[in-house]
């Protein structure tokens, strides 16, 4: 999976360059106000490598991607949002905004990937219209969906809306 390779690459980059900001690789040094900056960067790098390796195992891929998304969100809230408020001058504020949005974009992407992995690995359920195991495109009663993008969900041969009424 390419995403796993990206996480491992980012993690190794963090370990090779412990003076640079954690999260999405950058050439910007970590802020002076961050306590134990080398530890923060090394821990982030180690976690990214661990998450990347875990994503190679189907059973843990979704959780690893979600945890990576959570880590990037945490870095944004703890490091980059305060950096915006500490920044002096427009240039420093623009750089801080860039870090906030880059890291949040990466976090969101990892959470979307996590959701996709979990949904693809989940067994079918009654609300998906695939209670028979025949695959998408057929209802529980064996009728084909309309194909127009309007998915009709059937559970026990009745439309879901009729069951809820």
C-alpha atoms as a PDB file:
ATOM      1  CA  UNK A   1       0.000   0.000   0.000  1.00  0.00           C
ATOM      2  CA  UNK A   2       1.523   3.340  -1.038  1.00  0.00           C
ATOM      3  CA  UNK A   3       0.264   5.134   2.078  1.00  0.00           C
ATOM      4  CA  UNK A   4       2.280   2.813   4.307  1.00  0.00           C
ATOM      5  CA  UNK A   5       5.406   3.650   2.332  1.00  0.00           C
ATOM      6  CA  UNK A   6       4.740   7.374   2.708  1.00  0.00           C
ATOM      7  CA  UNK A   7       4.381   7.028   6.478  1.00  0.00           C
ATOM      8  CA  UNK A   8       7.621   5.051   6.770  1.00  0.00           C
ATOM      9  CA  UNK A   9       9.413   7.579   4.543  1.00  0.00           C
ATOM     10  CA  UNK A  10       8.127  10.496   6.626  1.00  0.00           C
ATOM     11  CA  UNK A  11       9.131   8.698   9.835  1.00  0.00           C
ATOM     12  CA  UNK A  12      12.662   8.015   8.612  1.00  0.00           C
ATOM     13  CA  UNK A  13      12.921  11.653   7.506  1.00  0.00           C
ATOM     14  CA  UNK A  14      12.021  12.722  11.046  1.00  0.00           C
ATOM     15  CA  UNK A  15      14.710  10.485  12.536  1.00  0.00           C
ATOM     16  CA  UNK A  16      17.334  11.753  10.087  1.00  0.00           C
ATOM     17  CA  UNK A  17      16.454  15.413  10.680  1.00  0.00           C
ATOM     18  CA  UNK A  18      15.519  15.791  14.380  1.00  0.00           C
ATOM     19  CA  UNK A  19      15.838  19.601  14.328  1.00  0.00           C
ATOM     20  CA  UNK A  20      13.023  20.081  11.797  1.00  0.00           C
ATOM     21  CA  UNK A  21       9.309  20.427  12.459  1.00  0.00           C
ATOM     22  CA  UNK A  22       7.332  17.208  13.029  1.00  0.00           C
ATOM     23  CA  UNK A  23       4.364  16.103  10.954  1.00  0.00           C
ATOM     24  CA  UNK A  24       4.574  16.755   7.238  1.00  0.00           C
ATOM     25  CA  UNK A  25       8.302  16.936   6.340  1.00  0.00           C
ATOM     26  CA  UNK A  26       9.634  20.454   5.992  1.00  0.00           C
ATOM     27  CA  UNK A  27      12.934  22.296   6.026  1.00  0.00           C
ATOM     28  CA  UNK A  28      11.701  24.616   8.793  1.00  0.00           C
ATOM     29  CA  UNK A  29      13.363  24.170  12.192  1.00  0.00           C
ATOM     30  CA  UNK A  30      11.107  23.254  15.091  1.00  0.00           C
ATOM     31  CA  UNK A  31      10.031  26.252  17.172  1.00  0.00           C
ATOM     32  CA  UNK A  32      12.297  27.224  20.056  1.00  0.00           C
ATOM     33  CA  UNK A  33       9.406  27.269  22.546  1.00  0.00           C
ATOM     34  CA  UNK A  34       8.655  23.528  22.105  1.00  0.00           C
ATOM     35  CA  UNK A  35       9.873  21.592  25.160  1.00  0.00           C
ATOM     36  CA  UNK A  36      12.203  18.661  24.354  1.00  0.00           C
ATOM     37  CA  UNK A  37      12.012  19.303  20.600  1.00  0.00           C
ATOM     38  CA  UNK A  38      14.291  16.407  19.632  1.00  0.00           C
ATOM     39  CA  UNK A  39      12.132  14.004  21.634  1.00  0.00           C
ATOM     40  CA  UNK A  40       8.950  15.309  20.000  1.00  0.00           C
ATOM     41  CA  UNK A  41      10.415  14.879  16.505  1.00  0.00           C
ATOM     42  CA  UNK A  42      11.946  11.453  17.250  1.00  0.00           C
ATOM     43  CA  UNK A  43       8.723  10.189  18.843  1.00  0.00           C
ATOM     44  CA  UNK A  44       6.708  11.456  15.876  1.00  0.00           C
ATOM     45  CA  UNK A  45       9.127   9.730  13.491  1.00  0.00           C
ATOM     46  CA  UNK A  46       8.988   6.443  15.410  1.00  0.00           C
ATOM     47  CA  UNK A  47       5.184   6.554  15.501  1.00  0.00           C
ATOM     48  CA  UNK A  48       4.968   7.258  11.774  1.00  0.00           C
ATOM     49  CA  UNK A  49       7.224   4.285  11.042  1.00  0.00           C
ATOM     50  CA  UNK A  50       5.150   2.080  13.357  1.00  0.00           C
ATOM     51  CA  UNK A  51       1.901   3.242  11.758  1.00  0.00           C
ATOM     52  CA  UNK A  52       3.332   2.634   8.280  1.00  0.00           C
ATOM     53  CA  UNK A  53       4.392  -0.905   9.157  1.00  0.00           C
ATOM     54  CA  UNK A  54       1.029  -1.565  10.829  1.00  0.00           C
ATOM     55  CA  UNK A  55      -0.761  -0.440   7.664  1.00  0.00           C
ATOM     56  CA  UNK A  56       0.907  -3.310   5.802  1.00  0.00           C
ATOM     57  CA  UNK A  57      -1.041  -5.749   7.985  1.00  0.00           C
ATOM     58  CA  UNK A  58      -4.663  -5.864   6.828  1.00  0.00           C
ATOM     59  CA  UNK A  59      -6.002  -6.440  10.321  1.00  0.00           C
ATOM     60  CA  UNK A  60      -4.436  -3.281  11.744  1.00  0.00           C
ATOM     61  CA  UNK A  61      -4.353  -1.020   8.665  1.00  0.00           C
ATOM     62  CA  UNK A  62      -7.489   0.978   9.459  1.00  0.00           C
ATOM     63  CA  UNK A  63      -6.537   1.572  13.082  1.00  0.00           C
ATOM     64  CA  UNK A  64      -2.993   2.583  12.113  1.00  0.00           C
ATOM     65  CA  UNK A  65      -4.277   5.116   9.577  1.00  0.00           C
ATOM     66  CA  UNK A  66      -6.742   6.524  12.121  1.00  0.00           C
ATOM     67  CA  UNK A  67      -4.028   6.829  14.752  1.00  0.00           C
ATOM     68  CA  UNK A  68      -1.786   8.614  12.283  1.00  0.00           C
ATOM     69  CA  UNK A  69      -4.639  11.043  11.556  1.00  0.00           C
ATOM     70  CA  UNK A  70      -5.093  11.583  15.283  1.00  0.00           C
ATOM     71  CA  UNK A  71      -1.347  12.201  15.709  1.00  0.00           C
ATOM     72  CA  UNK A  72      -1.342  14.817  12.942  1.00  0.00           C
ATOM     73  CA  UNK A  73      -4.392  16.508  14.471  1.00  0.00           C
ATOM     74  CA  UNK A  74      -2.677  16.535  17.873  1.00  0.00           C
ATOM     75  CA  UNK A  75       0.481  18.075  16.367  1.00  0.00           C
ATOM     76  CA  UNK A  76      -1.654  20.761  14.741  1.00  0.00           C
ATOM     77  CA  UNK A  77      -3.484  21.651  17.943  1.00  0.00           C
ATOM     78  CA  UNK A  78      -0.466  21.473  20.255  1.00  0.00           C
ATOM     79  CA  UNK A  79       2.297  22.890  18.033  1.00  0.00           C
ATOM     80  CA  UNK A  80       1.044  24.749  14.991  1.00  0.00           C
ATOM     81  CA  UNK A  81      -2.033  26.612  16.234  1.00  0.00           C
ATOM     82  CA  UNK A  82      -0.065  28.119  19.156  1.00  0.00           C
ATOM     83  CA  UNK A  83       2.729  28.951  16.706  1.00  0.00           C
ATOM     84  CA  UNK A  84       0.250  31.056  14.727  1.00  0.00           C
ATOM     85  CA  UNK A  85      -0.600  33.115  17.808  1.00  0.00           C
ATOM     86  CA  UNK A  86       3.058  33.475  18.811  1.00  0.00           C
ATOM     87  CA  UNK A  87       4.149  34.477  15.298  1.00  0.00           C
ATOM     88  CA  UNK A  88       5.483  37.986  14.841  1.00  0.00           C
ATOM     89  CA  UNK A  89       4.799  39.539  11.478  1.00  0.00           C
ATOM     90  CA  UNK A  90       2.795  38.551   8.447  1.00  0.00           C
ATOM     91  CA  UNK A  91       5.442  36.202   7.024  1.00  0.00           C
ATOM     92  CA  UNK A  92       5.613  34.143  10.219  1.00  0.00           C
ATOM     93  CA  UNK A  93       1.810  34.021  10.428  1.00  0.00           C
ATOM     94  CA  UNK A  94       1.537  32.834   6.819  1.00  0.00           C
ATOM     95  CA  UNK A  95       4.094  30.111   7.543  1.00  0.00           C
ATOM     96  CA  UNK A  96       2.129  29.068  10.633  1.00  0.00           C
ATOM     97  CA  UNK A  97      -1.129  28.956   8.661  1.00  0.00           C
ATOM     98  CA  UNK A  98       0.627  26.856   6.031  1.00  0.00           C
ATOM     99  CA  UNK A  99       1.727  24.359   8.703  1.00  0.00           C
ATOM    100  CA  UNK A 100      -1.768  24.246  10.189  1.00  0.00           C
ATOM    101  CA  UNK A 101      -3.458  23.497   6.891  1.00  0.00           C
ATOM    102  CA  UNK A 102      -0.782  21.142   5.529  1.00  0.00           C
ATOM    103  CA  UNK A 103      -0.847  19.061   8.684  1.00  0.00           C
ATOM    104  CA  UNK A 104      -4.645  19.095   8.900  1.00  0.00           C
ATOM    105  CA  UNK A 105      -4.870  18.065   5.257  1.00  0.00           C
ATOM    106  CA  UNK A 106      -2.579  15.135   5.955  1.00  0.00           C
ATOM    107  CA  UNK A 107      -4.591  14.247   9.079  1.00  0.00           C
ATOM    108  CA  UNK A 108      -7.868  14.379   7.158  1.00  0.00           C
ATOM    109  CA  UNK A 109      -6.437  12.266   4.351  1.00  0.00           C
ATOM    110  CA  UNK A 110      -5.340   9.612   6.839  1.00  0.00           C
ATOM    111  CA  UNK A 111      -8.776   9.598   8.478  1.00  0.00           C
ATOM    112  CA  UNK A 112     -10.466   9.212   5.082  1.00  0.00           C
ATOM    113  CA  UNK A 113      -8.098   6.349   4.213  1.00  0.00           C
ATOM    114  CA  UNK A 114      -8.839   4.753   7.578  1.00  0.00           C
ATOM    115  CA  UNK A 115     -12.580   4.950   6.922  1.00  0.00           C
ATOM    116  CA  UNK A 116     -12.162   3.449   3.454  1.00  0.00           C
ATOM    117  CA  UNK A 117     -10.077   0.575   4.802  1.00  0.00           C
ATOM    118  CA  UNK A 118     -12.582  -0.184   7.555  1.00  0.00           C
ATOM    119  CA  UNK A 119     -15.585   0.034   5.208  1.00  0.00           C
ATOM    120  CA  UNK A 120     -13.964  -2.261   2.650  1.00  0.00           C
ATOM    121  CA  UNK A 121     -13.068  -4.785   5.344  1.00  0.00           C
ATOM    122  CA  UNK A 122     -16.476  -4.730   7.062  1.00  0.00           C
ATOM    123  CA  UNK A 123     -18.937  -7.537   6.409  1.00  0.00           C
ATOM    124  CA  UNK A 124     -22.156  -6.471   4.668  1.00  0.00           C
ATOM    125  CA  UNK A 125     -25.050  -5.382   6.839  1.00  0.00           C
ATOM    126  CA  UNK A 126     -28.790  -5.107   6.414  1.00  0.00           C
ATOM    127  CA  UNK A 127     -28.750  -1.380   5.716  1.00  0.00           C
ATOM    128  CA  UNK A 128     -26.309  -1.722   2.815  1.00  0.00           C
ATOM    129  CA  UNK A 129     -28.831  -3.690   0.800  1.00  0.00           C
ATOM    130  CA  UNK A 130     -26.461  -6.681   0.626  1.00  0.00           C
ATOM    131  CA  UNK A 131     -27.858  -9.053   3.218  1.00  0.00           C
ATOM    132  CA  UNK A 132     -27.684 -11.984   0.820  1.00  0.00           C
ATOM    133  CA  UNK A 133     -23.975 -11.778   0.073  1.00  0.00           C
ATOM    134  CA  UNK A 134     -24.681 -11.444  -3.660  1.00  0.00           C
ATOM    135  CA  UNK A 135     -22.746  -8.169  -3.809  1.00  0.00           C
ATOM    136  CA  UNK A 136     -23.729  -4.589  -4.405  1.00  0.00           C
ATOM    137  CA  UNK A 137     -26.309  -3.983  -7.048  1.00  0.00           C
ATOM    138  CA  UNK A 138     -28.930  -6.400  -5.765  1.00  0.00           C
ATOM    139  CA  UNK A 139     -31.427  -6.037  -3.005  1.00  0.00           C
ATOM    140  CA  UNK A 140     -32.232  -8.599  -0.359  1.00  0.00           C
ATOM    141  CA  UNK A 141     -35.101  -9.735  -2.524  1.00  0.00           C
ATOM    142  CA  UNK A 142     -32.755 -10.238  -5.469  1.00  0.00           C
ATOM    143  CA  UNK A 143     -33.956  -7.239  -7.440  1.00  0.00           C
ATOM    144  CA  UNK A 144     -31.386  -5.053  -9.139  1.00  0.00           C
ATOM    145  CA  UNK A 145     -30.982  -1.471  -8.056  1.00  0.00           C
ATOM    146  CA  UNK A 146     -32.140   1.163 -10.484  1.00  0.00           C
ATOM    147  CA  UNK A 147     -28.604   2.035 -11.586  1.00  0.00           C
ATOM    148  CA  UNK A 148     -29.529   5.710 -11.650  1.00  0.00           C
ATOM    149  CA  UNK A 149     -27.607   6.406  -8.481  1.00  0.00           C
ATOM    150  CA  UNK A 150     -30.775   6.223  -6.390  1.00  0.00           C
ATOM    151  CA  UNK A 151     -29.983   3.262  -4.177  1.00  0.00           C
ATOM    152  CA  UNK A 152     -33.087   1.492  -2.970  1.00  0.00           C
ATOM    153  CA  UNK A 153     -32.429  -0.309   0.295  1.00  0.00           C
ATOM    154  CA  UNK A 154     -34.474  -3.383   1.078  1.00  0.00           C
ATOM    155  CA  UNK A 155     -34.573  -5.301   4.300  1.00  0.00           C
ATOM    156  CA  UNK A 156     -36.912  -8.272   4.387  1.00  0.00           C
ATOM    157  CA  UNK A 157     -38.278  -7.369   0.936  1.00  0.00           C
ATOM    158  CA  UNK A 158     -39.656  -3.968   1.977  1.00  0.00           C
ATOM    159  CA  UNK A 159     -38.145  -0.533   1.353  1.00  0.00           C
ATOM    160  CA  UNK A 160     -36.328   0.801   4.397  1.00  0.00           C
ATOM    161  CA  UNK A 161     -38.495   3.952   4.425  1.00  0.00           C
ATOM    162  CA  UNK A 162     -41.628   1.775   4.708  1.00  0.00           C
ATOM    163  CA  UNK A 163     -40.134  -0.097   7.652  1.00  0.00           C
ATOM    164  CA  UNK A 164     -39.325   3.122   9.508  1.00  0.00           C
ATOM    165  CA  UNK A 165     -42.809   4.588   9.010  1.00  0.00           C
END
